[in-house]
């Protein structure tokens, strides 16, 4: 129960309207709402409120403490959820790093097989390229490259 709700419940048991209460303590309805919602009650206003409602100051203090405890619990819940998300992201990162290493290993293995089948030297093997889509391009059929040398043309896809 919020402080505002607690005051309104007390007023109801007394048979007094909220507007009458606000007038009695010398504040507007909006001002009282904001003050109660923000738990920002000046001591002179607190005294007027307690006198009007015929309650001790602990009437207000207890609910403020409970709300502070709830806020602390909410903060703890948020922190806990954030820590869970961070842990999930760390696990995802680790998984993706392992996947990337596996794909790189597969690609290196594939390059070695292709170089063996095509009889490529280490220097020619080093010229194999991998672009951002995961395609490794190597030449496999001897064709004239126009510069007097030979090149091999074959496309290989690795996913």
N, C-alpha and C. Protein backbone atom coordinates (compact mmCIF):
# COMPACT_ATOMS: atom_id res chain seq x y z
N UNK A 1 0.85 -1.17 0.00
CA UNK A 1 0.00 0.00 0.00
C UNK A 1 0.90 1.24 0.00
N UNK A 2 0.60 2.16 -0.91
CA UNK A 2 1.39 3.39 -0.98
C UNK A 2 0.97 4.32 0.15
N UNK A 3 1.78 5.32 0.37
CA UNK A 3 1.48 6.31 1.41
C UNK A 3 0.18 7.03 1.09
N UNK A 4 -0.02 7.39 -0.15
CA UNK A 4 -1.23 8.06 -0.59
C UNK A 4 -2.46 7.17 -0.32
N UNK A 5 -2.34 5.89 -0.65
CA UNK A 5 -3.45 4.95 -0.42
C UNK A 5 -3.74 4.81 1.07
N UNK A 6 -2.69 4.79 1.87
CA UNK A 6 -2.86 4.64 3.31
C UNK A 6 -3.59 5.84 3.89
N UNK A 7 -3.22 7.06 3.45
CA UNK A 7 -3.89 8.27 3.92
C UNK A 7 -5.36 8.25 3.50
N UNK A 8 -5.63 7.90 2.26
CA UNK A 8 -7.02 7.87 1.77
C UNK A 8 -7.85 6.82 2.50
N UNK A 9 -7.24 5.68 2.83
CA UNK A 9 -7.96 4.65 3.58
C UNK A 9 -8.31 5.17 4.98
N UNK A 10 -7.37 5.87 5.60
CA UNK A 10 -7.61 6.43 6.94
C UNK A 10 -8.72 7.47 6.87
N UNK A 11 -8.67 8.33 5.85
CA UNK A 11 -9.70 9.36 5.70
C UNK A 11 -11.08 8.72 5.52
N UNK A 12 -11.13 7.63 4.78
CA UNK A 12 -12.41 6.93 4.54
C UNK A 12 -12.99 6.43 5.86
N UNK A 13 -12.12 5.85 6.71
CA UNK A 13 -12.61 5.35 8.01
C UNK A 13 -13.10 6.51 8.89
N UNK A 14 -12.55 7.70 8.66
CA UNK A 14 -12.95 8.88 9.43
C UNK A 14 -14.17 9.57 8.81
N UNK A 15 -14.51 9.20 7.56
CA UNK A 15 -15.64 9.84 6.89
C UNK A 15 -15.32 11.24 6.39
N UNK A 16 -14.05 11.46 6.06
CA UNK A 16 -13.59 12.77 5.61
C UNK A 16 -13.09 12.65 4.17
N UNK A 17 -13.35 13.69 3.36
CA UNK A 17 -12.90 13.65 1.97
C UNK A 17 -11.42 14.03 1.87
N UNK A 18 -10.83 13.64 0.80
CA UNK A 18 -9.42 13.96 0.54
C UNK A 18 -9.25 15.46 0.37
N UNK A 19 -10.21 16.10 -0.28
CA UNK A 19 -10.15 17.55 -0.48
C UNK A 19 -10.20 18.29 0.86
N UNK A 20 -11.03 17.81 1.78
CA UNK A 20 -11.11 18.43 3.11
C UNK A 20 -9.77 18.29 3.84
N UNK A 21 -9.15 17.12 3.69
CA UNK A 21 -7.84 16.87 4.30
C UNK A 21 -6.80 17.84 3.74
N UNK A 22 -6.77 17.98 2.42
CA UNK A 22 -5.80 18.87 1.77
C UNK A 22 -5.99 20.31 2.25
N UNK A 23 -7.24 20.75 2.31
CA UNK A 23 -7.54 22.11 2.78
C UNK A 23 -7.09 22.28 4.23
N UNK A 24 -7.34 21.28 5.06
CA UNK A 24 -6.99 21.36 6.49
C UNK A 24 -5.49 21.49 6.72
N UNK A 25 -4.70 20.89 5.85
CA UNK A 25 -3.24 20.99 6.04
C UNK A 25 -2.64 22.13 5.21
N UNK A 26 -3.50 22.85 4.49
CA UNK A 26 -3.07 24.05 3.77
C UNK A 26 -2.34 23.78 2.47
N UNK A 27 -2.73 22.70 1.78
CA UNK A 27 -2.07 22.37 0.51
C UNK A 27 -3.10 22.02 -0.54
N UNK A 28 -2.67 22.14 -1.81
CA UNK A 28 -3.55 21.71 -2.90
C UNK A 28 -3.54 20.19 -3.00
N UNK A 29 -4.56 19.66 -3.66
CA UNK A 29 -4.64 18.20 -3.84
C UNK A 29 -3.41 17.70 -4.61
N UNK A 30 -3.02 18.42 -5.66
CA UNK A 30 -1.85 18.05 -6.46
C UNK A 30 -0.58 18.08 -5.63
N UNK A 31 -0.47 19.11 -4.80
CA UNK A 31 0.71 19.24 -3.93
C UNK A 31 0.81 18.10 -2.94
N UNK A 32 -0.32 17.71 -2.35
CA UNK A 32 -0.33 16.60 -1.40
C UNK A 32 0.01 15.30 -2.11
N UNK A 33 -0.58 15.09 -3.29
CA UNK A 33 -0.28 13.86 -4.07
C UNK A 33 1.21 13.74 -4.35
N UNK A 34 1.80 14.82 -4.83
CA UNK A 34 3.24 14.80 -5.15
C UNK A 34 4.07 14.55 -3.89
N UNK A 35 3.69 15.22 -2.81
CA UNK A 35 4.44 15.09 -1.56
C UNK A 35 4.38 13.63 -1.07
N UNK A 36 3.21 13.03 -1.09
CA UNK A 36 3.07 11.66 -0.61
C UNK A 36 3.74 10.66 -1.55
N UNK A 37 3.60 10.89 -2.85
CA UNK A 37 4.22 9.98 -3.83
C UNK A 37 5.75 10.03 -3.76
N UNK A 38 6.29 11.20 -3.47
CA UNK A 38 7.75 11.37 -3.40
C UNK A 38 8.32 11.11 -2.01
N UNK A 39 7.44 10.87 -1.03
CA UNK A 39 7.87 10.66 0.36
C UNK A 39 8.71 11.83 0.84
N UNK A 40 8.26 13.03 0.47
CA UNK A 40 8.99 14.24 0.80
C UNK A 40 8.06 15.14 1.62
N UNK A 41 7.96 14.84 2.90
CA UNK A 41 7.02 15.56 3.77
C UNK A 41 7.82 16.45 4.73
N UNK A 42 7.54 17.73 4.68
CA UNK A 42 8.19 18.67 5.60
C UNK A 42 7.64 18.44 7.01
N UNK A 43 8.47 18.71 8.00
CA UNK A 43 8.09 18.41 9.38
C UNK A 43 6.83 19.15 9.83
N UNK A 44 6.66 20.42 9.43
CA UNK A 44 5.46 21.16 9.85
C UNK A 44 4.20 20.58 9.20
N UNK A 45 4.32 20.12 7.94
CA UNK A 45 3.18 19.51 7.26
C UNK A 45 2.89 18.13 7.86
N UNK A 46 3.94 17.40 8.21
CA UNK A 46 3.77 16.10 8.85
C UNK A 46 2.99 16.25 10.15
N UNK A 47 3.34 17.29 10.92
CA UNK A 47 2.65 17.52 12.19
C UNK A 47 1.17 17.81 11.95
N UNK A 48 0.87 18.66 10.94
CA UNK A 48 -0.54 18.97 10.61
C UNK A 48 -1.29 17.71 10.18
N UNK A 49 -0.63 16.88 9.37
CA UNK A 49 -1.27 15.67 8.88
C UNK A 49 -1.57 14.71 10.03
N UNK A 50 -0.60 14.53 10.91
CA UNK A 50 -0.78 13.62 12.05
C UNK A 50 -1.89 14.12 12.97
N UNK A 51 -1.93 15.43 13.22
CA UNK A 51 -2.98 15.99 14.07
C UNK A 51 -4.35 15.80 13.44
N UNK A 52 -4.46 16.06 12.14
CA UNK A 52 -5.75 15.93 11.46
C UNK A 52 -6.23 14.47 11.46
N UNK A 53 -5.30 13.56 11.16
CA UNK A 53 -5.66 12.14 11.07
C UNK A 53 -5.70 11.45 12.44
N UNK A 54 -5.17 12.15 13.45
CA UNK A 54 -5.08 11.62 14.81
C UNK A 54 -4.26 10.32 14.83
N UNK A 55 -3.06 10.42 14.20
CA UNK A 55 -2.14 9.26 14.13
C UNK A 55 -0.75 9.71 14.56
N UNK A 56 0.08 8.77 15.03
CA UNK A 56 1.46 9.12 15.35
C UNK A 56 2.28 9.27 14.06
N UNK A 57 3.43 9.88 14.15
CA UNK A 57 4.29 10.07 12.97
C UNK A 57 4.72 8.73 12.37
N UNK A 58 4.74 7.69 13.18
CA UNK A 58 5.12 6.36 12.67
C UNK A 58 4.13 5.86 11.62
N UNK A 59 2.92 6.44 11.62
CA UNK A 59 1.94 6.10 10.58
C UNK A 59 2.55 6.32 9.20
N UNK A 60 3.34 7.39 9.08
CA UNK A 60 3.98 7.71 7.81
C UNK A 60 5.36 7.07 7.68
N UNK A 61 6.08 6.98 8.76
CA UNK A 61 7.44 6.46 8.73
C UNK A 61 7.45 4.98 8.33
N UNK A 62 6.56 4.19 8.90
CA UNK A 62 6.54 2.76 8.59
C UNK A 62 6.32 2.48 7.11
N UNK A 63 5.39 3.17 6.50
CA UNK A 63 5.11 2.92 5.08
C UNK A 63 6.28 3.39 4.22
N UNK A 64 6.95 4.47 4.64
CA UNK A 64 8.11 4.94 3.89
C UNK A 64 9.22 3.91 3.95
N UNK A 65 9.44 3.34 5.14
CA UNK A 65 10.47 2.31 5.29
C UNK A 65 10.15 1.08 4.46
N UNK A 66 8.88 0.67 4.46
CA UNK A 66 8.47 -0.50 3.66
C UNK A 66 8.71 -0.22 2.18
N UNK A 67 8.36 0.98 1.73
CA UNK A 67 8.58 1.32 0.32
C UNK A 67 10.06 1.35 -0.02
N UNK A 68 10.89 1.84 0.90
CA UNK A 68 12.33 1.83 0.66
C UNK A 68 12.85 0.40 0.56
N UNK A 69 12.32 -0.48 1.42
CA UNK A 69 12.72 -1.89 1.35
C UNK A 69 12.31 -2.50 0.02
N UNK A 70 11.10 -2.16 -0.44
CA UNK A 70 10.64 -2.67 -1.74
C UNK A 70 11.50 -2.15 -2.87
N UNK A 71 11.90 -0.87 -2.79
CA UNK A 71 12.78 -0.31 -3.82
C UNK A 71 14.12 -1.04 -3.83
N UNK A 72 14.62 -1.34 -2.63
CA UNK A 72 15.89 -2.07 -2.53
C UNK A 72 15.74 -3.46 -3.15
N UNK A 73 14.63 -4.13 -2.86
CA UNK A 73 14.38 -5.46 -3.45
C UNK A 73 14.29 -5.36 -4.97
N UNK A 74 13.61 -4.31 -5.45
CA UNK A 74 13.50 -4.12 -6.90
C UNK A 74 14.88 -3.91 -7.51
N UNK A 75 15.71 -3.10 -6.84
CA UNK A 75 17.08 -2.86 -7.32
C UNK A 75 17.86 -4.17 -7.35
N UNK A 76 17.69 -4.97 -6.30
CA UNK A 76 18.38 -6.27 -6.24
C UNK A 76 17.90 -7.19 -7.36
N UNK A 77 16.59 -7.17 -7.64
CA UNK A 77 16.05 -8.00 -8.72
C UNK A 77 16.60 -7.56 -10.07
N UNK A 78 16.67 -6.26 -10.27
CA UNK A 78 17.20 -5.73 -11.53
C UNK A 78 18.67 -6.13 -11.67
N UNK A 79 19.43 -5.97 -10.58
CA UNK A 79 20.84 -6.34 -10.60
C UNK A 79 21.00 -7.82 -10.90
N UNK A 80 20.18 -8.64 -10.27
CA UNK A 80 20.23 -10.09 -10.49
C UNK A 80 19.95 -10.42 -11.96
N UNK A 81 18.92 -9.79 -12.52
CA UNK A 81 18.58 -10.04 -13.93
C UNK A 81 19.71 -9.60 -14.85
N UNK A 82 20.31 -8.44 -14.55
CA UNK A 82 21.42 -7.96 -15.37
C UNK A 82 22.60 -8.92 -15.31
N UNK A 83 22.88 -9.44 -14.12
CA UNK A 83 23.98 -10.41 -13.99
C UNK A 83 23.69 -11.68 -14.79
N UNK A 84 22.42 -12.12 -14.78
CA UNK A 84 22.04 -13.30 -15.58
C UNK A 84 22.26 -13.03 -17.07
N UNK A 85 21.86 -11.85 -17.52
CA UNK A 85 22.02 -11.49 -18.94
C UNK A 85 23.50 -11.43 -19.30
N UNK A 86 24.31 -10.86 -18.41
CA UNK A 86 25.75 -10.78 -18.66
C UNK A 86 26.34 -12.18 -18.77
N UNK A 87 25.91 -13.07 -17.89
CA UNK A 87 26.42 -14.45 -17.92
C UNK A 87 26.00 -15.15 -19.23
N UNK A 88 24.75 -14.94 -19.66
CA UNK A 88 24.29 -15.50 -20.93
C UNK A 88 25.12 -14.97 -22.09
N UNK A 89 25.40 -13.67 -22.07
CA UNK A 89 26.21 -13.08 -23.14
C UNK A 89 27.63 -13.64 -23.14
N UNK A 90 28.18 -13.86 -21.95
CA UNK A 90 29.52 -14.46 -21.88
C UNK A 90 29.50 -15.87 -22.46
N UNK A 91 28.46 -16.63 -22.13
CA UNK A 91 28.35 -17.99 -22.67
C UNK A 91 28.18 -17.96 -24.19
N UNK A 92 27.36 -17.02 -24.67
CA UNK A 92 27.18 -16.88 -26.12
C UNK A 92 28.50 -16.51 -26.79
N UNK A 93 29.24 -15.59 -26.17
CA UNK A 93 30.53 -15.17 -26.72
C UNK A 93 31.47 -16.36 -26.79
N UNK A 94 31.54 -17.14 -25.72
CA UNK A 94 32.42 -18.31 -25.68
C UNK A 94 32.01 -19.31 -26.76
N UNK A 95 30.71 -19.56 -26.89
CA UNK A 95 30.21 -20.48 -27.91
C UNK A 95 30.58 -19.98 -29.31
N UNK A 96 30.36 -18.69 -29.56
CA UNK A 96 30.67 -18.13 -30.88
C UNK A 96 32.16 -18.16 -31.18
N UNK A 97 32.98 -17.94 -30.16
CA UNK A 97 34.42 -18.03 -30.36
C UNK A 97 34.83 -19.45 -30.73
N UNK A 98 34.21 -20.42 -30.06
CA UNK A 98 34.51 -21.83 -30.37
C UNK A 98 34.04 -22.18 -31.78
N UNK A 99 32.86 -21.68 -32.16
CA UNK A 99 32.34 -21.92 -33.50
C UNK A 99 33.26 -21.30 -34.56
N UNK A 100 33.72 -20.08 -34.30
CA UNK A 100 34.61 -19.41 -35.23
C UNK A 100 35.91 -20.19 -35.39
N UNK A 101 36.48 -20.64 -34.28
CA UNK A 101 37.70 -21.43 -34.35
C UNK A 101 37.46 -22.71 -35.14
N UNK A 102 36.32 -23.35 -34.91
CA UNK A 102 35.99 -24.58 -35.63
C UNK A 102 35.88 -24.31 -37.14
N UNK A 103 35.23 -23.21 -37.50
CA UNK A 103 35.09 -22.86 -38.92
C UNK A 103 36.44 -22.54 -39.54
N UNK A 104 37.29 -21.85 -38.79
CA UNK A 104 38.63 -21.55 -39.30
C UNK A 104 39.44 -22.83 -39.49
N UNK A 105 39.31 -23.74 -38.52
CA UNK A 105 39.99 -25.03 -38.65
C UNK A 105 39.49 -25.80 -39.87
N UNK A 106 38.14 -25.78 -40.06
CA UNK A 106 37.56 -26.44 -41.23
C UNK A 106 38.08 -25.84 -42.52
N UNK A 107 38.16 -24.51 -42.55
CA UNK A 107 38.63 -23.81 -43.73
C UNK A 107 40.10 -24.15 -44.02
N UNK A 108 40.92 -24.15 -42.97
CA UNK A 108 42.33 -24.51 -43.15
C UNK A 108 42.46 -25.95 -43.66
N UNK A 109 41.68 -26.85 -43.11
CA UNK A 109 41.70 -28.24 -43.56
C UNK A 109 41.28 -28.32 -45.03
N UNK A 110 40.22 -27.59 -45.36
CA UNK A 110 39.72 -27.60 -46.73
C UNK A 110 40.76 -27.05 -47.70
N UNK A 111 41.45 -25.99 -47.29
CA UNK A 111 42.50 -25.41 -48.13
C UNK A 111 43.62 -26.44 -48.35
N UNK A 112 44.00 -27.15 -47.31
CA UNK A 112 45.06 -28.16 -47.45
C UNK A 112 44.65 -29.26 -48.41
N UNK A 113 43.41 -29.73 -48.31
CA UNK A 113 42.91 -30.79 -49.20
C UNK A 113 42.94 -30.29 -50.65
N UNK A 114 42.43 -29.09 -50.87
CA UNK A 114 42.39 -28.53 -52.22
C UNK A 114 43.81 -28.37 -52.76
N UNK A 115 44.71 -27.87 -51.91
CA UNK A 115 46.09 -27.67 -52.40
C UNK A 115 46.74 -29.01 -52.75
N UNK A 116 46.45 -30.04 -51.97
CA UNK A 116 47.00 -31.37 -52.27
C UNK A 116 46.43 -31.89 -53.58
N UNK A 117 45.12 -31.75 -53.76
CA UNK A 117 44.46 -32.25 -54.98
C UNK A 117 44.93 -31.50 -56.21
N UNK A 118 45.19 -30.21 -56.05
CA UNK A 118 45.59 -29.40 -57.20
C UNK A 118 47.10 -29.27 -57.33
N UNK A 119 47.81 -29.78 -56.35
CA UNK A 119 49.26 -29.71 -56.39
C UNK A 119 49.80 -28.31 -56.18
N UNK A 120 49.14 -27.53 -55.34
CA UNK A 120 49.58 -26.16 -55.08
C UNK A 120 50.74 -26.15 -54.09
N UNK A 121 51.63 -25.22 -54.28
CA UNK A 121 52.73 -25.04 -53.34
C UNK A 121 52.22 -24.25 -52.14
N UNK A 122 53.04 -24.16 -51.09
CA UNK A 122 52.66 -23.37 -49.91
C UNK A 122 52.43 -21.91 -50.29
N UNK A 123 53.25 -21.42 -51.22
CA UNK A 123 53.11 -20.03 -51.66
C UNK A 123 51.77 -19.83 -52.37
N UNK A 124 51.42 -20.78 -53.23
CA UNK A 124 50.12 -20.69 -53.92
C UNK A 124 48.98 -20.87 -52.94
N UNK A 125 49.16 -21.76 -51.96
CA UNK A 125 48.15 -21.98 -50.95
C UNK A 125 47.90 -20.71 -50.14
N UNK A 126 48.97 -19.97 -49.88
CA UNK A 126 48.85 -18.73 -49.10
C UNK A 126 48.02 -17.69 -49.84
N UNK A 127 47.89 -17.83 -51.17
CA UNK A 127 47.13 -16.87 -51.95
C UNK A 127 45.63 -17.14 -51.91
N UNK A 128 45.22 -18.26 -51.34
CA UNK A 128 43.79 -18.54 -51.21
C UNK A 128 43.16 -17.46 -50.34
N UNK A 129 42.03 -16.97 -50.75
CA UNK A 129 41.39 -15.87 -50.03
C UNK A 129 40.08 -16.34 -49.42
N UNK A 130 39.72 -15.71 -48.33
CA UNK A 130 38.40 -15.94 -47.73
C UNK A 130 37.76 -14.58 -47.56
N UNK A 131 36.57 -14.42 -48.11
CA UNK A 131 35.91 -13.14 -47.95
C UNK A 131 34.91 -13.21 -46.78
N UNK A 132 34.25 -12.08 -46.51
CA UNK A 132 33.39 -12.00 -45.33
C UNK A 132 32.16 -12.91 -45.38
N UNK A 133 31.78 -13.40 -46.54
CA UNK A 133 30.64 -14.32 -46.61
C UNK A 133 31.05 -15.76 -46.34
N UNK A 134 32.31 -16.02 -46.11
CA UNK A 134 32.76 -17.37 -45.82
C UNK A 134 33.12 -18.16 -47.06
N UNK A 135 33.39 -17.48 -48.17
CA UNK A 135 33.76 -18.17 -49.39
C UNK A 135 35.27 -18.19 -49.54
N UNK A 136 35.79 -19.35 -49.87
CA UNK A 136 37.20 -19.44 -50.16
C UNK A 136 37.31 -19.60 -51.67
N UNK A 137 38.09 -18.76 -52.28
CA UNK A 137 38.21 -18.80 -53.74
C UNK A 137 39.61 -19.29 -54.10
N UNK A 138 39.67 -20.31 -54.92
CA UNK A 138 40.94 -20.84 -55.37
C UNK A 138 40.78 -21.20 -56.85
N UNK A 139 41.85 -21.15 -57.54
CA UNK A 139 41.80 -21.53 -58.94
C UNK A 139 42.19 -22.99 -59.07
N UNK A 140 41.46 -23.76 -59.89
CA UNK A 140 41.72 -25.19 -60.01
C UNK A 140 41.99 -25.65 -61.41
N UNK A 141 41.49 -24.94 -62.37
CA UNK A 141 41.70 -25.34 -63.76
C UNK A 141 42.71 -24.38 -64.36
N UNK A 142 43.75 -24.94 -64.99
CA UNK A 142 44.79 -24.06 -65.54
C UNK A 142 44.23 -23.29 -66.73
N UNK A 143 44.33 -21.98 -66.60
CA UNK A 143 43.93 -21.11 -67.71
C UNK A 143 44.97 -20.01 -67.79
N UNK A 144 45.06 -19.40 -68.94
CA UNK A 144 46.02 -18.30 -69.13
C UNK A 144 45.44 -17.07 -68.46
N UNK A 145 46.24 -16.42 -67.65
CA UNK A 145 45.73 -15.23 -66.95
C UNK A 145 46.00 -13.95 -67.74
N UNK A 146 46.53 -14.09 -68.95
CA UNK A 146 46.78 -12.93 -69.80
C UNK A 146 48.12 -12.29 -69.52
N UNK A 147 48.77 -12.67 -68.45
CA UNK A 147 50.05 -12.07 -68.13
C UNK A 147 51.19 -13.03 -68.41
N UNK A 148 50.90 -14.09 -69.09
CA UNK A 148 51.94 -15.04 -69.42
C UNK A 148 52.05 -16.16 -68.40
N UNK A 149 51.34 -16.04 -67.28
CA UNK A 149 51.41 -17.08 -66.26
C UNK A 149 50.15 -17.94 -66.30
N UNK A 150 50.11 -18.89 -65.45
CA UNK A 150 48.93 -19.75 -65.34
C UNK A 150 48.22 -19.48 -64.03
N UNK A 151 46.90 -19.65 -64.03
CA UNK A 151 46.16 -19.57 -62.78
C UNK A 151 45.14 -20.69 -62.79
N UNK A 152 44.60 -20.98 -61.65
CA UNK A 152 43.61 -22.04 -61.50
C UNK A 152 42.28 -21.37 -61.11
N UNK A 153 41.21 -21.75 -61.75
CA UNK A 153 39.92 -21.11 -61.45
C UNK A 153 38.92 -22.14 -60.99
N UNK A 154 38.54 -22.04 -59.74
CA UNK A 154 37.51 -22.90 -59.18
C UNK A 154 36.95 -22.16 -57.97
N UNK A 155 35.68 -22.24 -57.74
CA UNK A 155 35.09 -21.58 -56.58
C UNK A 155 34.70 -22.60 -55.54
N UNK A 156 35.00 -22.34 -54.31
CA UNK A 156 34.70 -23.26 -53.24
C UNK A 156 33.92 -22.52 -52.16
N UNK A 157 32.89 -23.13 -51.64
CA UNK A 157 32.09 -22.49 -50.61
C UNK A 157 32.24 -23.26 -49.32
N UNK A 158 32.54 -22.53 -48.26
CA UNK A 158 32.67 -23.14 -46.93
C UNK A 158 31.71 -22.42 -46.01
N UNK A 159 30.85 -23.15 -45.33
CA UNK A 159 29.89 -22.52 -44.38
C UNK A 159 30.06 -23.12 -43.02
